[in-house]
């Protein structure tokens, strides 16, 4: 009878250890899914905030008379930032926010710009001295001291 009791206790301990192991593995797998969802949301929020922050800071950097204008570059809205014979064009092309820095008057294509951040669409509007930037589902309105001009299509 003692041998049967030891055997039953050993089996019970083994079953409890196996159950603990299975529960620990299940919890680990579930928490991995939660982590992936939280990380994906954080990445999306980061992209939204970073795109708008980048555009706002570029406008503030170019806040001088004749320095900020809005127009079209290729098939999308573009922000033109001028300084001393050079222009920086910020626009959206092939799912990327791109930046093109060149001499004013050169004719380059949207494909020539450098990728800055992933961004599907950029919408720009100006009026009454205000610049409205819509990117990644958020909108910001700025009032540069220099004002905002309307640019033609480049």
C-alpha atoms as a PDB file:
ATOM      1  CA  UNK A   1       0.000   0.000   0.000  1.00  0.00           C
ATOM      2  CA  UNK A   2       2.880   2.369   0.755  1.00  0.00           C
ATOM      3  CA  UNK A   3       4.265   1.870  -2.757  1.00  0.00           C
ATOM      4  CA  UNK A   4       0.867   2.748  -4.246  1.00  0.00           C
ATOM      5  CA  UNK A   5       0.672   5.924  -2.097  1.00  0.00           C
ATOM      6  CA  UNK A   6       4.134   7.032  -3.190  1.00  0.00           C
ATOM      7  CA  UNK A   7       3.270   6.301  -6.796  1.00  0.00           C
ATOM      8  CA  UNK A   8       0.029   8.296  -6.545  1.00  0.00           C
ATOM      9  CA  UNK A   9       1.811  11.255  -4.924  1.00  0.00           C
ATOM     10  CA  UNK A  10       4.548  11.175  -7.554  1.00  0.00           C
ATOM     11  CA  UNK A  11       1.918  11.064 -10.305  1.00  0.00           C
ATOM     12  CA  UNK A  12       0.023  13.951  -8.721  1.00  0.00           C
ATOM     13  CA  UNK A  13       3.196  16.051  -8.468  1.00  0.00           C
ATOM     14  CA  UNK A  14       4.043  15.230 -12.094  1.00  0.00           C
ATOM     15  CA  UNK A  15       0.513  16.165 -13.258  1.00  0.00           C
ATOM     16  CA  UNK A  16       0.626  19.440 -11.295  1.00  0.00           C
ATOM     17  CA  UNK A  17       4.041  20.296 -12.792  1.00  0.00           C
ATOM     18  CA  UNK A  18       2.739  19.524 -16.290  1.00  0.00           C
ATOM     19  CA  UNK A  19      -0.369  21.656 -15.661  1.00  0.00           C
ATOM     20  CA  UNK A  20       1.783  24.533 -14.380  1.00  0.00           C
ATOM     21  CA  UNK A  21       4.002  24.256 -17.468  1.00  0.00           C
ATOM     22  CA  UNK A  22       0.995  24.294 -19.823  1.00  0.00           C
ATOM     23  CA  UNK A  23      -0.539  27.306 -18.088  1.00  0.00           C
ATOM     24  CA  UNK A  24       2.785  29.163 -18.163  1.00  0.00           C
ATOM     25  CA  UNK A  25       3.174  28.473 -21.902  1.00  0.00           C
ATOM     26  CA  UNK A  26      -0.415  29.579 -22.590  1.00  0.00           C
ATOM     27  CA  UNK A  27       0.100  32.795 -20.652  1.00  0.00           C
ATOM     28  CA  UNK A  28       3.345  33.458 -22.531  1.00  0.00           C
ATOM     29  CA  UNK A  29       1.650  32.969 -25.901  1.00  0.00           C
ATOM     30  CA  UNK A  30      -1.261  35.235 -24.966  1.00  0.00           C
ATOM     31  CA  UNK A  31       1.003  37.996 -23.673  1.00  0.00           C
ATOM     32  CA  UNK A  32       3.036  37.834 -26.901  1.00  0.00           C
ATOM     33  CA  UNK A  33      -0.091  38.721 -28.897  1.00  0.00           C
ATOM     34  CA  UNK A  34      -0.910  41.612 -26.570  1.00  0.00           C
ATOM     35  CA  UNK A  35       2.659  42.888 -26.841  1.00  0.00           C
ATOM     36  CA  UNK A  36       2.526  42.818 -30.656  1.00  0.00           C
ATOM     37  CA  UNK A  37      -0.731  44.812 -30.655  1.00  0.00           C
ATOM     38  CA  UNK A  38       0.634  47.429 -28.242  1.00  0.00           C
ATOM     39  CA  UNK A  39       3.902  47.723 -30.192  1.00  0.00           C
ATOM     40  CA  UNK A  40       2.022  48.170 -33.498  1.00  0.00           C
ATOM     41  CA  UNK A  41      -0.130  50.925 -31.976  1.00  0.00           C
ATOM     42  CA  UNK A  42       2.963  52.654 -30.584  1.00  0.00           C
ATOM     43  CA  UNK A  43       4.653  52.533 -34.002  1.00  0.00           C
ATOM     44  CA  UNK A  44       1.600  54.062 -35.679  1.00  0.00           C
ATOM     45  CA  UNK A  45       1.355  56.834 -33.096  1.00  0.00           C
ATOM     46  CA  UNK A  46       5.087  57.503 -33.435  1.00  0.00           C
ATOM     47  CA  UNK A  47       4.783  57.870 -37.221  1.00  0.00           C
ATOM     48  CA  UNK A  48       1.861  60.300 -36.856  1.00  0.00           C
ATOM     49  CA  UNK A  49       3.531  62.497 -34.284  1.00  0.00           C
ATOM     50  CA  UNK A  50       6.907  62.442 -35.986  1.00  0.00           C
ATOM     51  CA  UNK A  51       5.569  63.409 -39.430  1.00  0.00           C
ATOM     52  CA  UNK A  52       3.639  66.402 -38.124  1.00  0.00           C
ATOM     53  CA  UNK A  53       6.428  67.460 -35.792  1.00  0.00           C
ATOM     54  CA  UNK A  54       8.957  67.290 -38.629  1.00  0.00           C
ATOM     55  CA  UNK A  55       6.784  69.408 -40.944  1.00  0.00           C
ATOM     56  CA  UNK A  56       6.000  71.990 -38.250  1.00  0.00           C
ATOM     57  CA  UNK A  57       9.671  72.366 -37.331  1.00  0.00           C
ATOM     58  CA  UNK A  58      10.676  72.769 -40.979  1.00  0.00           C
ATOM     59  CA  UNK A  59       8.121  75.573 -41.369  1.00  0.00           C
ATOM     60  CA  UNK A  60       9.376  77.281 -38.214  1.00  0.00           C
ATOM     61  CA  UNK A  61      12.951  76.999 -39.467  1.00  0.00           C
ATOM     62  CA  UNK A  62      12.004  78.795 -42.700  1.00  0.00           C
ATOM     63  CA  UNK A  63       9.847  81.500 -41.117  1.00  0.00           C
ATOM     64  CA  UNK A  64      11.248  84.462 -43.071  1.00  0.00           C
ATOM     65  CA  UNK A  65       9.655  86.750 -45.682  1.00  0.00           C
ATOM     66  CA  UNK A  66       8.971  84.692 -48.821  1.00  0.00           C
ATOM     67  CA  UNK A  67      10.256  81.567 -47.106  1.00  0.00           C
ATOM     68  CA  UNK A  68       7.097  79.455 -46.886  1.00  0.00           C
ATOM     69  CA  UNK A  69       4.735  78.612 -49.734  1.00  0.00           C
ATOM     70  CA  UNK A  70       2.306  75.856 -50.670  1.00  0.00           C
ATOM     71  CA  UNK A  71       1.790  74.352 -54.117  1.00  0.00           C
ATOM     72  CA  UNK A  72       1.823  71.138 -56.121  1.00  0.00           C
ATOM     73  CA  UNK A  73       4.880  69.030 -56.882  1.00  0.00           C
ATOM     74  CA  UNK A  74       4.174  66.125 -59.158  1.00  0.00           C
ATOM     75  CA  UNK A  75       0.749  64.799 -58.201  1.00  0.00           C
ATOM     76  CA  UNK A  76       0.651  65.879 -54.566  1.00  0.00           C
ATOM     77  CA  UNK A  77       0.558  68.928 -52.346  1.00  0.00           C
ATOM     78  CA  UNK A  78       3.978  70.253 -51.437  1.00  0.00           C
ATOM     79  CA  UNK A  79       5.527  72.649 -48.986  1.00  0.00           C
ATOM     80  CA  UNK A  80       8.181  74.946 -50.495  1.00  0.00           C
ATOM     81  CA  UNK A  81      10.702  76.404 -48.067  1.00  0.00           C
ATOM     82  CA  UNK A  82      13.043  78.992 -49.617  1.00  0.00           C
ATOM     83  CA  UNK A  83      16.292  80.478 -48.371  1.00  0.00           C
ATOM     84  CA  UNK A  84      19.082  82.331 -50.227  1.00  0.00           C
ATOM     85  CA  UNK A  85      18.693  80.793 -53.689  1.00  0.00           C
ATOM     86  CA  UNK A  86      17.783  77.293 -52.497  1.00  0.00           C
ATOM     87  CA  UNK A  87      14.464  75.582 -51.988  1.00  0.00           C
ATOM     88  CA  UNK A  88      13.481  72.603 -49.855  1.00  0.00           C
ATOM     89  CA  UNK A  89      10.373  70.826 -51.106  1.00  0.00           C
ATOM     90  CA  UNK A  90       8.483  68.552 -48.714  1.00  0.00           C
ATOM     91  CA  UNK A  91       5.908  66.288 -50.360  1.00  0.00           C
ATOM     92  CA  UNK A  92       4.420  62.810 -50.308  1.00  0.00           C
ATOM     93  CA  UNK A  93       5.468  60.316 -53.003  1.00  0.00           C
ATOM     94  CA  UNK A  94       5.008  56.531 -53.158  1.00  0.00           C
ATOM     95  CA  UNK A  95       3.950  56.239 -49.509  1.00  0.00           C
ATOM     96  CA  UNK A  96       6.850  58.301 -48.173  1.00  0.00           C
ATOM     97  CA  UNK A  97       7.242  61.856 -46.959  1.00  0.00           C
ATOM     98  CA  UNK A  98      10.119  63.090 -49.099  1.00  0.00           C
ATOM     99  CA  UNK A  99      12.454  66.042 -48.990  1.00  0.00           C
ATOM    100  CA  UNK A 100      14.150  67.574 -52.000  1.00  0.00           C
ATOM    101  CA  UNK A 101      16.786  70.261 -51.427  1.00  0.00           C
ATOM    102  CA  UNK A 102      17.964  72.019 -54.577  1.00  0.00           C
ATOM    103  CA  UNK A 103      18.854  75.326 -56.173  1.00  0.00           C
ATOM    104  CA  UNK A 104      15.804  77.441 -56.846  1.00  0.00           C
ATOM    105  CA  UNK A 105      14.763  77.083 -60.478  1.00  0.00           C
ATOM    106  CA  UNK A 106      16.090  73.580 -61.152  1.00  0.00           C
ATOM    107  CA  UNK A 107      13.637  71.096 -62.618  1.00  0.00           C
ATOM    108  CA  UNK A 108      13.774  67.803 -60.729  1.00  0.00           C
ATOM    109  CA  UNK A 109      11.096  65.128 -60.414  1.00  0.00           C
ATOM    110  CA  UNK A 110       9.394  63.840 -57.243  1.00  0.00           C
ATOM    111  CA  UNK A 111      11.398  60.601 -57.531  1.00  0.00           C
ATOM    112  CA  UNK A 112      14.608  62.595 -56.900  1.00  0.00           C
ATOM    113  CA  UNK A 113      13.735  63.372 -53.278  1.00  0.00           C
ATOM    114  CA  UNK A 114      15.031  61.588 -50.200  1.00  0.00           C
ATOM    115  CA  UNK A 115      12.674  59.448 -48.076  1.00  0.00           C
ATOM    116  CA  UNK A 116      12.120  60.962 -44.640  1.00  0.00           C
ATOM    117  CA  UNK A 117       9.222  59.025 -43.085  1.00  0.00           C
ATOM    118  CA  UNK A 118       6.464  56.651 -44.153  1.00  0.00           C
ATOM    119  CA  UNK A 119       3.392  58.747 -44.968  1.00  0.00           C
ATOM    120  CA  UNK A 120       0.484  57.881 -47.247  1.00  0.00           C
ATOM    121  CA  UNK A 121      -0.948  61.349 -47.832  1.00  0.00           C
ATOM    122  CA  UNK A 122      -0.090  64.977 -47.169  1.00  0.00           C
ATOM    123  CA  UNK A 123      -2.653  67.746 -47.550  1.00  0.00           C
ATOM    124  CA  UNK A 124      -1.700  71.408 -47.353  1.00  0.00           C
ATOM    125  CA  UNK A 125      -3.882  74.510 -47.476  1.00  0.00           C
ATOM    126  CA  UNK A 126      -3.198  78.172 -46.922  1.00  0.00           C
ATOM    127  CA  UNK A 127      -5.367  81.220 -46.467  1.00  0.00           C
ATOM    128  CA  UNK A 128      -5.538  84.249 -44.231  1.00  0.00           C
ATOM    129  CA  UNK A 129      -1.892  83.878 -43.239  1.00  0.00           C
ATOM    130  CA  UNK A 130      -2.521  80.374 -41.957  1.00  0.00           C
ATOM    131  CA  UNK A 131      -1.005  77.103 -43.070  1.00  0.00           C
ATOM    132  CA  UNK A 132      -3.005  73.931 -42.451  1.00  0.00           C
ATOM    133  CA  UNK A 133      -1.135  70.626 -42.584  1.00  0.00           C
ATOM    134  CA  UNK A 134      -3.053  67.331 -42.608  1.00  0.00           C
ATOM    135  CA  UNK A 135      -0.943  64.189 -42.349  1.00  0.00           C
ATOM    136  CA  UNK A 136      -1.431  60.711 -40.901  1.00  0.00           C
ATOM    137  CA  UNK A 137      -4.978  61.418 -39.763  1.00  0.00           C
ATOM    138  CA  UNK A 138      -4.135  64.572 -37.816  1.00  0.00           C
ATOM    139  CA  UNK A 139      -4.353  68.262 -38.661  1.00  0.00           C
ATOM    140  CA  UNK A 140      -2.261  71.211 -37.490  1.00  0.00           C
ATOM    141  CA  UNK A 141      -2.786  74.897 -38.278  1.00  0.00           C
ATOM    142  CA  UNK A 142       0.181  77.270 -38.138  1.00  0.00           C
ATOM    143  CA  UNK A 143       0.380  81.040 -38.457  1.00  0.00           C
ATOM    144  CA  UNK A 144       3.938  81.782 -39.606  1.00  0.00           C
ATOM    145  CA  UNK A 145       5.034  85.369 -38.984  1.00  0.00           C
ATOM    146  CA  UNK A 146       6.178  85.616 -42.604  1.00  0.00           C
ATOM    147  CA  UNK A 147       2.799  84.495 -43.936  1.00  0.00           C
ATOM    148  CA  UNK A 148       2.187  81.743 -46.465  1.00  0.00           C
ATOM    149  CA  UNK A 149       2.154  82.163 -50.225  1.00  0.00           C
ATOM    150  CA  UNK A 150       0.431  80.079 -52.887  1.00  0.00           C
ATOM    151  CA  UNK A 151       2.887  78.427 -55.278  1.00  0.00           C
ATOM    152  CA  UNK A 152       2.142  77.247 -58.793  1.00  0.00           C
ATOM    153  CA  UNK A 153       2.531  73.648 -59.947  1.00  0.00           C
ATOM    154  CA  UNK A 154       6.138  72.528 -60.287  1.00  0.00           C
END
